[in-house]
Amino acid sequence: MVKLQLEQFLPYRLNRIAAAVSQDFRSVYGPHHDLTIPEWRVLATLGQFEAMSAKAIGRHSAMHKTKVSRAVRALEERRWLRRRQSEQDRREEILTLTAQGERVYGQIVPKAVAFERRLLEQLGPEVGPFLEALGHLEEIVRIAARAGGERD
């Protein structure tokens, strides 16, 4: 029987790297704003797109609906987010940031951009080929997902 070397298995490595980067990035928004990772992702998604349903946020950020729901509730309790009924579908709510939510988003974004810049600078001359390979891998996964391919 062939044994899998988990530490060398690409899906496992990508997942570990993503988790480590995400946790490290939390140092940018966590201590000053006391946000969880899902709360940050909801805040960032609404900051980027301005208005969106919770379902669309989940699709965009690849988060399970329960995580999105908890994050939405937490941001709403802080008065950083508001809900309104969708004009197209009365069963759906559209979420937007409040002025206070936009202010927090505006405080975090420059730090987020600086965090990303530091990471990319550490890759040195390999950054171009790395970003190209990452884009290619994203396309492969999208194609596999559309074709019903399994991941992991």
N, C-alpha and C. Protein backbone atom coordinates (compact mmCIF):
# COMPACT_ATOMS: atom_id res chain seq x y z
N MET A 1 0.84 -1.19 0.00
CA MET A 1 0.00 0.00 0.00
C MET A 1 0.89 1.25 0.00
N VAL A 2 0.55 2.20 -0.85
CA VAL A 2 1.27 3.47 -0.92
C VAL A 2 0.79 4.35 0.23
N LYS A 3 1.74 4.97 0.92
CA LYS A 3 1.38 5.88 2.00
C LYS A 3 1.53 7.32 1.51
N LEU A 4 0.62 8.14 1.95
CA LEU A 4 0.61 9.55 1.59
C LEU A 4 1.52 10.31 2.54
N GLN A 5 2.42 11.08 2.01
CA GLN A 5 3.26 11.96 2.82
C GLN A 5 2.49 13.26 2.97
N LEU A 6 1.69 13.34 4.03
CA LEU A 6 0.78 14.46 4.21
C LEU A 6 1.49 15.81 4.14
N GLU A 7 2.68 15.90 4.71
CA GLU A 7 3.41 17.18 4.73
C GLU A 7 3.80 17.64 3.32
N GLN A 8 3.81 16.73 2.35
CA GLN A 8 4.14 17.08 0.97
C GLN A 8 2.92 17.12 0.06
N PHE A 9 1.75 16.77 0.58
CA PHE A 9 0.51 16.72 -0.20
C PHE A 9 0.00 18.14 -0.43
N LEU A 10 -0.09 18.54 -1.69
CA LEU A 10 -0.39 19.93 -2.04
C LEU A 10 -1.65 20.48 -1.37
N PRO A 11 -2.80 19.81 -1.40
CA PRO A 11 -3.97 20.38 -0.72
C PRO A 11 -3.72 20.64 0.77
N TYR A 12 -3.03 19.74 1.42
CA TYR A 12 -2.72 19.91 2.84
C TYR A 12 -1.80 21.11 3.05
N ARG A 13 -0.78 21.23 2.21
CA ARG A 13 0.16 22.36 2.33
C ARG A 13 -0.55 23.69 2.09
N LEU A 14 -1.39 23.75 1.07
CA LEU A 14 -2.12 24.99 0.79
C LEU A 14 -3.03 25.36 1.95
N ASN A 15 -3.70 24.37 2.53
CA ASN A 15 -4.59 24.63 3.65
C ASN A 15 -3.81 25.14 4.86
N ARG A 16 -2.67 24.52 5.16
CA ARG A 16 -1.85 24.96 6.29
C ARG A 16 -1.33 26.39 6.08
N ILE A 17 -0.89 26.67 4.87
CA ILE A 17 -0.39 28.02 4.56
C ILE A 17 -1.52 29.04 4.69
N ALA A 18 -2.68 28.72 4.14
CA ALA A 18 -3.82 29.63 4.23
C ALA A 18 -4.21 29.89 5.68
N ALA A 19 -4.25 28.85 6.48
CA ALA A 19 -4.61 29.02 7.90
C ALA A 19 -3.57 29.85 8.63
N ALA A 20 -2.29 29.61 8.36
CA ALA A 20 -1.22 30.36 9.03
C ALA A 20 -1.23 31.83 8.62
N VAL A 21 -1.40 32.11 7.34
CA VAL A 21 -1.44 33.50 6.87
C VAL A 21 -2.66 34.20 7.44
N SER A 22 -3.80 33.52 7.43
CA SER A 22 -5.02 34.11 7.96
C SER A 22 -4.87 34.44 9.44
N GLN A 23 -4.28 33.53 10.19
CA GLN A 23 -4.07 33.76 11.62
C GLN A 23 -3.08 34.90 11.84
N ASP A 24 -2.02 34.94 11.05
CA ASP A 24 -1.03 36.02 11.16
C ASP A 24 -1.67 37.36 10.80
N PHE A 25 -2.51 37.36 9.76
CA PHE A 25 -3.18 38.58 9.33
C PHE A 25 -4.14 39.09 10.40
N ARG A 26 -4.66 38.18 11.23
CA ARG A 26 -5.57 38.57 12.31
C ARG A 26 -4.91 39.59 13.24
N SER A 27 -3.58 39.58 13.31
CA SER A 27 -2.87 40.55 14.14
C SER A 27 -3.08 41.98 13.64
N VAL A 28 -3.49 42.12 12.39
CA VAL A 28 -3.75 43.44 11.81
C VAL A 28 -5.07 44.01 12.31
N TYR A 29 -6.11 43.19 12.38
CA TYR A 29 -7.44 43.69 12.74
C TYR A 29 -7.95 43.20 14.08
N GLY A 30 -7.40 42.11 14.58
CA GLY A 30 -7.91 41.51 15.81
C GLY A 30 -7.70 42.34 17.07
N PRO A 31 -6.47 42.70 17.39
CA PRO A 31 -6.22 43.38 18.67
C PRO A 31 -6.92 44.74 18.81
N HIS A 32 -6.97 45.51 17.75
CA HIS A 32 -7.53 46.86 17.84
C HIS A 32 -9.05 46.89 17.66
N HIS A 33 -9.58 45.90 16.95
CA HIS A 33 -11.00 45.92 16.64
C HIS A 33 -11.75 44.71 17.16
N ASP A 34 -11.03 43.77 17.77
CA ASP A 34 -11.63 42.58 18.38
C ASP A 34 -12.56 41.86 17.41
N LEU A 35 -12.06 41.60 16.21
CA LEU A 35 -12.83 40.90 15.19
C LEU A 35 -12.34 39.46 15.06
N THR A 36 -13.27 38.55 14.80
CA THR A 36 -12.90 37.19 14.45
C THR A 36 -12.58 37.16 12.95
N ILE A 37 -12.03 36.06 12.49
CA ILE A 37 -11.74 35.92 11.06
C ILE A 37 -13.03 36.03 10.24
N PRO A 38 -14.11 35.30 10.59
CA PRO A 38 -15.35 35.46 9.80
C PRO A 38 -15.91 36.88 9.84
N GLU A 39 -15.82 37.55 11.00
CA GLU A 39 -16.32 38.93 11.07
C GLU A 39 -15.51 39.83 10.14
N TRP A 40 -14.20 39.64 10.10
CA TRP A 40 -13.36 40.43 9.20
C TRP A 40 -13.76 40.17 7.75
N ARG A 41 -13.97 38.92 7.40
CA ARG A 41 -14.31 38.59 6.02
C ARG A 41 -15.64 39.20 5.60
N VAL A 42 -16.62 39.21 6.50
CA VAL A 42 -17.91 39.85 6.19
C VAL A 42 -17.70 41.35 6.04
N LEU A 43 -16.98 41.96 6.98
CA LEU A 43 -16.71 43.40 6.93
C LEU A 43 -15.98 43.76 5.63
N ALA A 44 -14.96 42.98 5.29
CA ALA A 44 -14.17 43.26 4.08
C ALA A 44 -15.01 43.08 2.81
N THR A 45 -15.85 42.06 2.79
CA THR A 45 -16.68 41.82 1.61
C THR A 45 -17.67 42.96 1.42
N LEU A 46 -18.31 43.39 2.51
CA LEU A 46 -19.24 44.52 2.39
C LEU A 46 -18.51 45.82 2.10
N GLY A 47 -17.31 45.97 2.63
CA GLY A 47 -16.52 47.16 2.32
C GLY A 47 -16.19 47.23 0.83
N GLN A 48 -15.93 46.07 0.24
CA GLN A 48 -15.60 46.02 -1.18
C GLN A 48 -16.83 46.18 -2.07
N PHE A 49 -17.91 45.47 -1.76
CA PHE A 49 -19.07 45.43 -2.64
C PHE A 49 -20.23 46.32 -2.21
N GLU A 50 -20.16 46.87 -1.00
CA GLU A 50 -21.13 47.81 -0.44
C GLU A 50 -22.45 47.20 -0.01
N ALA A 51 -23.09 46.38 -0.82
CA ALA A 51 -24.37 45.78 -0.45
C ALA A 51 -24.41 44.36 -0.99
N MET A 52 -24.84 43.44 -0.11
CA MET A 52 -24.81 42.03 -0.49
C MET A 52 -25.66 41.23 0.47
N SER A 53 -26.21 40.12 0.01
CA SER A 53 -26.94 39.22 0.89
C SER A 53 -25.94 38.35 1.66
N ALA A 54 -26.38 37.78 2.75
CA ALA A 54 -25.52 36.89 3.54
C ALA A 54 -25.13 35.67 2.70
N LYS A 55 -26.06 35.18 1.90
CA LYS A 55 -25.78 34.03 1.04
C LYS A 55 -24.67 34.36 0.04
N ALA A 56 -24.72 35.54 -0.56
CA ALA A 56 -23.70 35.97 -1.51
C ALA A 56 -22.35 36.16 -0.82
N ILE A 57 -22.37 36.67 0.41
CA ILE A 57 -21.13 36.82 1.17
C ILE A 57 -20.50 35.46 1.41
N GLY A 58 -21.33 34.49 1.78
CA GLY A 58 -20.84 33.13 2.00
C GLY A 58 -20.19 32.55 0.76
N ARG A 59 -20.84 32.73 -0.39
CA ARG A 59 -20.27 32.23 -1.66
C ARG A 59 -18.96 32.93 -1.97
N HIS A 60 -18.94 34.25 -1.82
CA HIS A 60 -17.75 35.02 -2.16
C HIS A 60 -16.56 34.68 -1.26
N SER A 61 -16.83 34.52 0.03
CA SER A 61 -15.75 34.31 0.99
C SER A 61 -15.52 32.84 1.32
N ALA A 62 -16.25 31.95 0.68
CA ALA A 62 -16.13 30.51 0.91
C ALA A 62 -16.32 30.15 2.38
N MET A 63 -17.31 30.80 3.02
CA MET A 63 -17.62 30.50 4.42
C MET A 63 -18.97 29.82 4.51
N HIS A 64 -19.09 28.93 5.46
CA HIS A 64 -20.36 28.24 5.71
C HIS A 64 -21.39 29.26 6.20
N LYS A 65 -22.65 29.00 5.89
CA LYS A 65 -23.70 29.96 6.23
C LYS A 65 -23.82 30.22 7.72
N THR A 66 -23.50 29.25 8.57
CA THR A 66 -23.59 29.50 10.02
C THR A 66 -22.51 30.48 10.48
N LYS A 67 -21.32 30.38 9.88
CA LYS A 67 -20.25 31.33 10.23
C LYS A 67 -20.61 32.74 9.77
N VAL A 68 -21.17 32.82 8.57
CA VAL A 68 -21.60 34.12 8.05
C VAL A 68 -22.68 34.69 8.95
N SER A 69 -23.64 33.88 9.31
CA SER A 69 -24.76 34.33 10.15
C SER A 69 -24.27 34.86 11.50
N ARG A 70 -23.37 34.13 12.13
CA ARG A 70 -22.83 34.59 13.43
C ARG A 70 -22.05 35.89 13.27
N ALA A 71 -21.27 35.98 12.21
CA ALA A 71 -20.48 37.19 11.97
C ALA A 71 -21.39 38.38 11.70
N VAL A 72 -22.42 38.17 10.91
CA VAL A 72 -23.39 39.24 10.61
C VAL A 72 -24.04 39.72 11.90
N ARG A 73 -24.47 38.78 12.71
CA ARG A 73 -25.12 39.12 13.97
C ARG A 73 -24.17 39.93 14.88
N ALA A 74 -22.92 39.50 14.97
CA ALA A 74 -21.94 40.20 15.81
C ALA A 74 -21.68 41.62 15.30
N LEU A 75 -21.55 41.78 13.99
CA LEU A 75 -21.31 43.11 13.42
C LEU A 75 -22.54 43.99 13.57
N GLU A 76 -23.71 43.40 13.48
CA GLU A 76 -24.94 44.16 13.66
C GLU A 76 -25.06 44.64 15.12
N GLU A 77 -24.70 43.77 16.06
CA GLU A 77 -24.75 44.16 17.48
C GLU A 77 -23.79 45.31 17.77
N ARG A 78 -22.70 45.38 17.03
CA ARG A 78 -21.74 46.47 17.21
C ARG A 78 -22.16 47.72 16.43
N ARG A 79 -23.23 47.60 15.71
CA ARG A 79 -23.75 48.68 14.85
C ARG A 79 -22.79 49.04 13.71
N TRP A 80 -22.13 48.03 13.18
CA TRP A 80 -21.24 48.21 12.04
C TRP A 80 -21.90 47.77 10.75
N LEU A 81 -23.08 47.18 10.86
CA LEU A 81 -23.76 46.62 9.72
C LEU A 81 -25.27 46.80 9.91
N ARG A 82 -25.98 46.96 8.82
CA ARG A 82 -27.44 47.05 8.89
C ARG A 82 -28.05 46.16 7.81
N ARG A 83 -29.30 45.78 8.04
CA ARG A 83 -30.04 44.92 7.11
C ARG A 83 -31.21 45.69 6.53
N ARG A 84 -31.54 45.36 5.29
CA ARG A 84 -32.78 45.87 4.71
C ARG A 84 -33.33 44.77 3.81
N GLN A 85 -34.62 44.79 3.64
CA GLN A 85 -35.26 43.77 2.82
C GLN A 85 -34.91 43.99 1.35
N SER A 86 -34.64 42.91 0.66
CA SER A 86 -34.34 42.97 -0.77
C SER A 86 -35.58 43.38 -1.55
N GLU A 87 -35.40 44.24 -2.53
CA GLU A 87 -36.52 44.65 -3.37
C GLU A 87 -36.88 43.54 -4.37
N GLN A 88 -35.89 42.69 -4.72
CA GLN A 88 -36.13 41.62 -5.68
C GLN A 88 -36.75 40.38 -5.02
N ASP A 89 -36.36 40.11 -3.77
CA ASP A 89 -36.83 38.91 -3.08
C ASP A 89 -37.09 39.27 -1.62
N ARG A 90 -38.35 39.35 -1.25
CA ARG A 90 -38.71 39.81 0.10
C ARG A 90 -38.24 38.85 1.20
N ARG A 91 -37.84 37.64 0.84
CA ARG A 91 -37.33 36.69 1.83
C ARG A 91 -35.86 36.94 2.14
N GLU A 92 -35.22 37.73 1.33
CA GLU A 92 -33.79 37.95 1.44
C GLU A 92 -33.50 39.34 2.02
N GLU A 93 -32.44 39.42 2.79
CA GLU A 93 -32.02 40.71 3.34
C GLU A 93 -30.71 41.14 2.67
N ILE A 94 -30.59 42.42 2.43
CA ILE A 94 -29.37 43.00 1.88
C ILE A 94 -28.63 43.66 3.04
N LEU A 95 -27.36 43.38 3.13
CA LEU A 95 -26.52 43.89 4.21
C LEU A 95 -25.64 45.01 3.68
N THR A 96 -25.47 46.04 4.49
CA THR A 96 -24.56 47.14 4.16
C THR A 96 -23.85 47.56 5.44
N LEU A 97 -22.71 48.22 5.28
CA LEU A 97 -22.00 48.75 6.44
C LEU A 97 -22.64 50.07 6.86
N THR A 98 -22.64 50.32 8.15
CA THR A 98 -23.06 51.62 8.66
C THR A 98 -21.87 52.56 8.53
N ALA A 99 -22.06 53.82 8.85
CA ALA A 99 -20.94 54.78 8.82
C ALA A 99 -19.83 54.32 9.76
N GLN A 100 -20.21 53.79 10.91
CA GLN A 100 -19.21 53.30 11.86
C GLN A 100 -18.46 52.08 11.28
N GLY A 101 -19.19 51.18 10.63
CA GLY A 101 -18.57 50.03 9.98
C GLY A 101 -17.62 50.45 8.87
N GLU A 102 -18.02 51.43 8.09
CA GLU A 102 -17.16 51.95 7.02
C GLU A 102 -15.90 52.59 7.59
N ARG A 103 -16.03 53.26 8.73
CA ARG A 103 -14.88 53.88 9.38
C ARG A 103 -13.87 52.82 9.82
N VAL A 104 -14.36 51.75 10.43
CA VAL A 104 -13.49 50.66 10.86
C VAL A 104 -12.82 50.01 9.65
N TYR A 105 -13.61 49.74 8.62
CA TYR A 105 -13.07 49.17 7.38
C TYR A 105 -11.96 50.07 6.83
N GLY A 106 -12.21 51.37 6.82
CA GLY A 106 -11.22 52.33 6.33
C GLY A 106 -9.95 52.36 7.17
N GLN A 107 -10.06 52.06 8.45
CA GLN A 107 -8.87 52.00 9.32
C GLN A 107 -8.05 50.74 9.05
N ILE A 108 -8.73 49.65 8.73
CA ILE A 108 -8.04 48.37 8.56
C ILE A 108 -7.40 48.22 7.19
N VAL A 109 -8.03 48.72 6.14
CA VAL A 109 -7.56 48.49 4.77
C VAL A 109 -6.10 48.90 4.55
N PRO A 110 -5.65 50.08 4.97
CA PRO A 110 -4.24 50.41 4.73
C PRO A 110 -3.28 49.42 5.43
N LYS A 111 -3.67 48.94 6.60
CA LYS A 111 -2.85 47.95 7.32
C LYS A 111 -2.86 46.62 6.58
N ALA A 112 -4.01 46.27 6.00
CA ALA A 112 -4.12 45.03 5.23
C ALA A 112 -3.24 45.08 3.99
N VAL A 113 -3.25 46.20 3.31
CA VAL A 113 -2.43 46.37 2.11
C VAL A 113 -0.94 46.30 2.48
N ALA A 114 -0.56 46.91 3.59
CA ALA A 114 0.83 46.86 4.05
C ALA A 114 1.22 45.42 4.42
N PHE A 115 0.32 44.68 5.05
CA PHE A 115 0.57 43.29 5.41
C PHE A 115 0.84 42.47 4.15
N GLU A 116 -0.03 42.63 3.15
CA GLU A 116 0.15 41.91 1.89
C GLU A 116 1.47 42.29 1.22
N ARG A 117 1.79 43.57 1.21
CA ARG A 117 3.03 44.04 0.58
C ARG A 117 4.25 43.39 1.24
N ARG A 118 4.24 43.32 2.60
CA ARG A 118 5.36 42.69 3.31
C ARG A 118 5.50 41.21 2.93
N LEU A 119 4.38 40.51 2.83
CA LEU A 119 4.42 39.10 2.45
C LEU A 119 5.02 38.94 1.05
N LEU A 120 4.52 39.74 0.12
CA LEU A 120 4.99 39.64 -1.26
C LEU A 120 6.46 40.02 -1.39
N GLU A 121 6.89 41.03 -0.63
CA GLU A 121 8.31 41.43 -0.66
C GLU A 121 9.21 40.30 -0.17
N GLN A 122 8.73 39.53 0.80
CA GLN A 122 9.52 38.43 1.33
C GLN A 122 9.73 37.31 0.31
N LEU A 123 8.86 37.24 -0.69
CA LEU A 123 9.03 36.24 -1.74
C LEU A 123 10.14 36.64 -2.71
N GLY A 124 10.51 37.91 -2.71
CA GLY A 124 11.60 38.38 -3.57
C GLY A 124 11.29 38.20 -5.04
N PRO A 125 12.31 37.83 -5.82
CA PRO A 125 12.13 37.73 -7.27
C PRO A 125 11.15 36.63 -7.71
N GLU A 126 10.82 35.71 -6.80
CA GLU A 126 9.87 34.64 -7.14
C GLU A 126 8.42 35.10 -7.10
N VAL A 127 8.18 36.36 -6.69
CA VAL A 127 6.80 36.82 -6.50
C VAL A 127 5.99 36.76 -7.80
N GLY A 128 6.56 37.15 -8.91
CA GLY A 128 5.83 37.13 -10.19
C GLY A 128 5.40 35.73 -10.58
N PRO A 129 6.36 34.79 -10.68
CA PRO A 129 5.97 33.41 -11.02
C PRO A 129 5.03 32.79 -9.98
N PHE A 130 5.21 33.13 -8.71
CA PHE A 130 4.33 32.60 -7.66
C PHE A 130 2.90 33.08 -7.89
N LEU A 131 2.70 34.38 -8.13
CA LEU A 131 1.35 34.91 -8.34
C LEU A 131 0.72 34.33 -9.61
N GLU A 132 1.55 34.13 -10.62
CA GLU A 132 1.06 33.53 -11.86
C GLU A 132 0.61 32.09 -11.60
N ALA A 133 1.41 31.32 -10.88
CA ALA A 133 1.07 29.94 -10.56
C ALA A 133 -0.18 29.89 -9.69
N LEU A 134 -0.30 30.81 -8.76
CA LEU A 134 -1.47 30.87 -7.88
C LEU A 134 -2.74 31.14 -8.71
N GLY A 135 -2.65 32.07 -9.63
CA GLY A 135 -3.78 32.35 -10.52
C GLY A 135 -4.15 31.14 -11.35
N HIS A 136 -3.14 30.45 -11.84
CA HIS A 136 -3.38 29.25 -12.64
C HIS A 136 -4.05 28.17 -11.80
N LEU A 137 -3.59 27.99 -10.58
CA LEU A 137 -4.17 27.01 -9.67
C LEU A 137 -5.63 27.36 -9.34
N GLU A 138 -5.91 28.64 -9.16
CA GLU A 138 -7.29 29.08 -8.91
C GLU A 138 -8.18 28.71 -10.10
N GLU A 139 -7.69 28.88 -11.30
CA GLU A 139 -8.46 28.52 -12.50
C GLU A 139 -8.69 27.02 -12.57
N ILE A 140 -7.66 26.24 -12.29
CA ILE A 140 -7.80 24.78 -12.31
C ILE A 140 -8.87 24.34 -11.33
N VAL A 141 -8.84 24.89 -10.13
CA VAL A 141 -9.81 24.51 -9.10
C VAL A 141 -11.21 24.94 -9.50
N ARG A 142 -11.36 26.12 -10.06
CA ARG A 142 -12.68 26.58 -10.52
C ARG A 142 -13.22 25.64 -11.59
N ILE A 143 -12.36 25.23 -12.51
CA ILE A 143 -12.78 24.33 -13.59
C ILE A 143 -13.17 22.98 -12.99
N ALA A 144 -12.38 22.47 -12.05
CA ALA A 144 -12.70 21.19 -11.41
C ALA A 144 -14.01 21.29 -10.63
N ALA A 145 -14.22 22.40 -9.96
CA ALA A 145 -15.45 22.58 -9.17
C ALA A 145 -16.67 22.62 -10.09
N ARG A 146 -16.56 23.30 -11.23
CA ARG A 146 -17.67 23.36 -12.18
C ARG A 146 -17.98 22.00 -12.79
N ALA A 147 -16.92 21.20 -12.95
CA ALA A 147 -17.10 19.86 -13.56
C ALA A 147 -17.52 18.83 -12.51
N GLY A 148 -17.74 19.27 -11.29
CA GLY A 148 -18.18 18.35 -10.24
C GLY A 148 -17.02 17.65 -9.58
N GLY A 149 -15.82 18.15 -9.79
CA GLY A 149 -14.63 17.52 -9.20
C GLY A 149 -14.58 17.67 -7.69
N GLU A 150 -14.03 16.69 -7.04
CA GLU A 150 -13.86 16.72 -5.58
C GLU A 150 -12.55 17.41 -5.24
N ARG A 151 -12.52 18.01 -4.06
CA ARG A 151 -11.29 18.66 -3.58
C ARG A 151 -10.82 17.98 -2.32
N ASP A 152 -9.51 17.99 -2.13
CA ASP A 152 -8.84 17.55 -0.91
C ASP A 152 -8.19 16.23 -1.16
